[in-house]
Amino acid sequence: AYPQAPIEQDMFMELPQGIKTVHGSSKDHVLQLLSNIYGQKQAGRVWNSYLVDKLEEIGFKPSLVDDCVFYRDNVIFIVYVDDGIFICPEDDKISQAISDIKNVGLDIEDQGNPADYVRVNIRRQKDGTIELTQRALTDQIIQDCGLNDTSYTKPVPAKVSLHLHAFKDS
């Protein structure tokens, strides 16, 4: 994704190891970058600014709460670094959003319905609802805290038949 954003200024880099030059030492030559590359300090910022401009161009509005969330009608687009996911109850609107993004010059890949996104498992239920879980993260936290041994579990002394109610001020 980063190379899609235009480069901000002239940038040069040393020749990578293994590249031979016909004239002189490879230490005497540099390469001029024509596009952003991963690893540059400003690459993420430049890419994000470029992406936001393109999304706004096709009618997406940024969230007032989270810089990674964009809205267009009932289509939600969430971006994390260079991965994005669309959420919408209507598949045709998602297809149209993908088409619009491609038409403004962004090279994106539609990978269909995701099974996971940034370590969140996504599963569509039969009733149309979507279940989001983080089982791997939960298991990792339990292991890191040394709680994966079941001998640490203790029964909770609560009556099953007891109904709890919220306290009401008088």
Protein backbone atom coordinates (compact mmCIF):
# COMPACT_ATOMS: atom_id res chain seq x y z
CA ALA A 1 0.00 0.00 0.00
CA TYR A 2 2.70 2.51 0.94
CA PRO A 3 4.20 2.68 -2.58
CA GLN A 4 0.81 3.83 -3.93
CA ALA A 5 1.12 7.20 -2.18
CA PRO A 6 3.15 9.84 -4.00
CA ILE A 7 6.59 10.55 -2.61
CA GLU A 8 6.85 13.89 -0.76
CA GLN A 9 10.43 14.87 -1.56
CA ASP A 10 13.51 13.65 -3.38
CA MET A 11 14.84 10.64 -1.52
CA PHE A 12 17.88 8.48 -2.13
CA MET A 13 19.15 5.23 -0.70
CA GLU A 14 22.38 3.27 -0.78
CA LEU A 15 22.54 0.33 -3.14
CA PRO A 16 21.38 -2.90 -1.49
CA GLN A 17 24.03 -5.54 -0.78
CA GLY A 18 24.74 -7.75 -3.75
CA ILE A 19 24.07 -5.08 -6.39
CA LYS A 20 27.13 -4.61 -8.61
CA THR A 21 27.87 -1.50 -10.66
CA VAL A 22 29.60 -1.39 -14.02
CA HIS A 23 31.51 1.78 -13.22
CA GLY A 24 33.24 2.28 -9.87
CA SER A 25 32.33 0.96 -6.47
CA SER A 26 28.73 0.38 -5.44
CA LYS A 27 29.53 2.66 -2.47
CA ASP A 28 29.86 5.57 -4.95
CA HIS A 29 26.28 5.17 -6.25
CA VAL A 30 22.80 5.72 -4.83
CA LEU A 31 19.27 5.01 -6.01
CA GLN A 32 16.62 7.71 -6.26
CA LEU A 33 13.30 6.51 -4.87
CA LEU A 34 10.33 7.09 -7.13
CA SER A 35 7.74 5.90 -4.60
CA ASN A 36 7.44 5.34 -0.88
CA ILE A 37 8.79 2.14 0.56
CA TYR A 38 8.09 0.31 3.79
CA GLY A 39 10.45 1.29 6.57
CA GLN A 40 10.64 5.00 5.84
CA LYS A 41 9.81 7.17 8.83
CA GLN A 42 7.16 9.13 6.96
CA ALA A 43 5.75 6.27 4.84
CA GLY A 44 2.85 5.48 7.17
CA ARG A 45 1.85 9.12 7.55
CA VAL A 46 2.08 9.78 3.81
CA TRP A 47 0.06 6.63 3.02
CA ASN A 48 -2.63 7.48 5.58
CA SER A 49 -2.99 11.05 4.29
CA TYR A 50 -3.24 9.77 0.70
CA LEU A 51 -5.81 7.12 1.66
CA VAL A 52 -7.96 9.61 3.60
CA ASP A 53 -7.95 12.01 0.62
CA LYS A 54 -9.04 9.21 -1.72
CA LEU A 55 -11.78 8.00 0.67
CA GLU A 56 -13.15 11.54 1.06
CA GLU A 57 -13.07 11.92 -2.73
CA ILE A 58 -15.58 9.06 -3.05
CA GLY A 59 -17.83 10.28 -0.25
CA PHE A 60 -16.50 8.59 2.89
CA LYS A 61 -16.50 10.73 6.01
CA PRO A 62 -13.95 10.18 8.79
CA SER A 63 -15.23 9.26 12.24
CA LEU A 64 -15.11 12.01 14.83
CA VAL A 65 -14.00 9.44 17.40
CA ASP A 66 -11.51 7.16 15.64
CA ASP A 67 -9.12 8.13 12.81
CA CYS A 68 -9.26 4.58 11.44
CA VAL A 69 -13.03 4.50 10.81
CA PHE A 70 -14.87 5.99 7.82
CA TYR A 71 -18.57 6.12 6.94
CA ARG A 72 -20.58 6.42 3.73
CA ASP A 73 -24.31 5.89 4.23
CA ASN A 74 -24.49 2.55 6.06
CA VAL A 75 -21.08 1.37 4.82
CA ILE A 76 -18.32 1.40 7.42
CA PHE A 77 -14.67 1.14 6.39
CA ILE A 78 -12.08 0.33 9.06
CA VAL A 79 -8.39 0.62 8.23
CA TYR A 80 -5.44 -0.64 10.24
CA VAL A 81 -2.07 0.41 8.77
CA ASP A 82 -2.54 -0.99 5.25
CA ASP A 83 -5.38 -3.48 5.85
CA GLY A 84 -9.00 -2.51 5.56
CA ILE A 85 -12.37 -4.11 6.14
CA PHE A 86 -15.86 -3.07 5.04
CA ILE A 87 -18.93 -3.59 7.17
CA CYS A 88 -22.41 -3.20 5.73
CA PRO A 89 -25.63 -5.22 5.80
CA GLU A 90 -25.87 -4.90 2.00
CA ASP A 91 -23.24 -6.76 -0.06
CA ASP A 92 -23.92 -4.66 -3.17
CA LYS A 93 -22.93 -1.47 -1.31
CA ILE A 94 -19.66 -3.09 -0.28
CA SER A 95 -19.02 -4.11 -3.89
CA GLN A 96 -19.78 -0.54 -5.02
CA ALA A 97 -17.38 0.91 -2.41
CA ILE A 98 -14.62 -1.45 -3.56
CA SER A 99 -15.26 -0.47 -7.16
CA ASP A 100 -15.20 3.24 -6.26
CA ILE A 101 -11.89 2.85 -4.43
CA LYS A 102 -10.36 1.12 -7.43
CA ASN A 103 -11.73 3.86 -9.73
CA VAL A 104 -9.87 6.60 -7.79
CA GLY A 105 -6.60 4.79 -8.41
CA LEU A 106 -6.10 2.67 -5.30
CA ASP A 107 -4.87 -0.84 -5.94
CA ILE A 108 -6.82 -2.98 -3.48
CA GLU A 109 -7.57 -6.66 -3.30
CA ASP A 110 -11.00 -8.02 -2.38
CA GLN A 111 -10.41 -11.13 -0.28
CA GLY A 112 -14.08 -11.87 0.34
CA ASN A 113 -15.61 -12.44 3.74
CA PRO A 114 -12.82 -12.42 6.33
CA ALA A 115 -12.34 -15.12 8.95
CA ASP A 116 -10.18 -12.79 11.01
CA TYR A 117 -8.99 -9.20 11.02
CA VAL A 118 -6.12 -7.92 13.19
CA ARG A 119 -6.35 -11.02 15.41
CA VAL A 120 -10.13 -10.74 15.85
CA ASN A 121 -11.98 -13.87 14.70
CA ILE A 122 -15.08 -13.10 12.67
CA ARG A 123 -17.89 -15.61 12.25
CA ARG A 124 -21.27 -14.97 10.63
CA GLN A 125 -24.06 -16.75 12.49
CA LYS A 126 -27.03 -18.44 10.81
CA ASP A 127 -29.36 -15.68 12.03
CA GLY A 128 -27.23 -13.04 10.23
CA THR A 129 -25.48 -11.69 13.31
CA ILE A 130 -21.71 -11.55 13.44
CA GLU A 131 -19.67 -12.99 16.31
CA LEU A 132 -16.31 -11.34 17.11
CA THR A 133 -13.89 -13.21 19.37
CA GLN A 134 -10.24 -12.99 20.36
CA ARG A 135 -9.60 -16.54 21.53
CA ALA A 136 -5.89 -16.50 20.62
CA LEU A 137 -5.34 -13.27 22.58
CA THR A 138 -7.30 -14.57 25.57
CA ASP A 139 -5.33 -17.82 25.57
CA GLN A 140 -2.04 -15.88 25.33
CA ILE A 141 -2.96 -13.66 28.30
CA ILE A 142 -3.93 -16.71 30.37
CA GLN A 143 -0.63 -18.39 29.49
CA ASP A 144 1.45 -15.23 30.15
CA CYS A 145 -0.14 -14.87 33.58
CA GLY A 146 0.50 -18.52 34.40
CA LEU A 147 -3.19 -19.25 34.79
CA ASN A 148 -3.45 -22.08 32.27
CA ASP A 149 -3.21 -24.66 35.06
CA THR A 150 -6.79 -25.52 36.02
CA SER A 151 -5.80 -26.14 39.65
CA TYR A 152 -5.99 -22.36 40.16
CA THR A 153 -9.74 -22.24 39.53
CA LYS A 154 -11.99 -21.84 42.54
CA PRO A 155 -15.74 -22.21 42.82
CA VAL A 156 -17.65 -18.97 43.26
CA PRO A 157 -19.90 -19.09 46.35
CA ALA A 158 -23.13 -17.71 44.92
CA LYS A 159 -26.63 -19.13 45.07
CA VAL A 160 -27.88 -20.02 41.64
CA SER A 161 -31.46 -19.15 42.59
CA LEU A 162 -30.55 -15.66 43.86
CA HIS A 163 -31.86 -12.84 41.63
CA LEU A 164 -29.79 -9.65 41.75
CA HIS A 165 -31.41 -6.27 41.21
CA ALA A 166 -30.01 -2.78 40.72
CA PHE A 167 -30.08 -0.59 43.84
CA LYS A 168 -32.71 2.14 43.51
CA ASP A 169 -32.24 5.41 45.37
CA SER A 170 -35.25 6.45 47.41
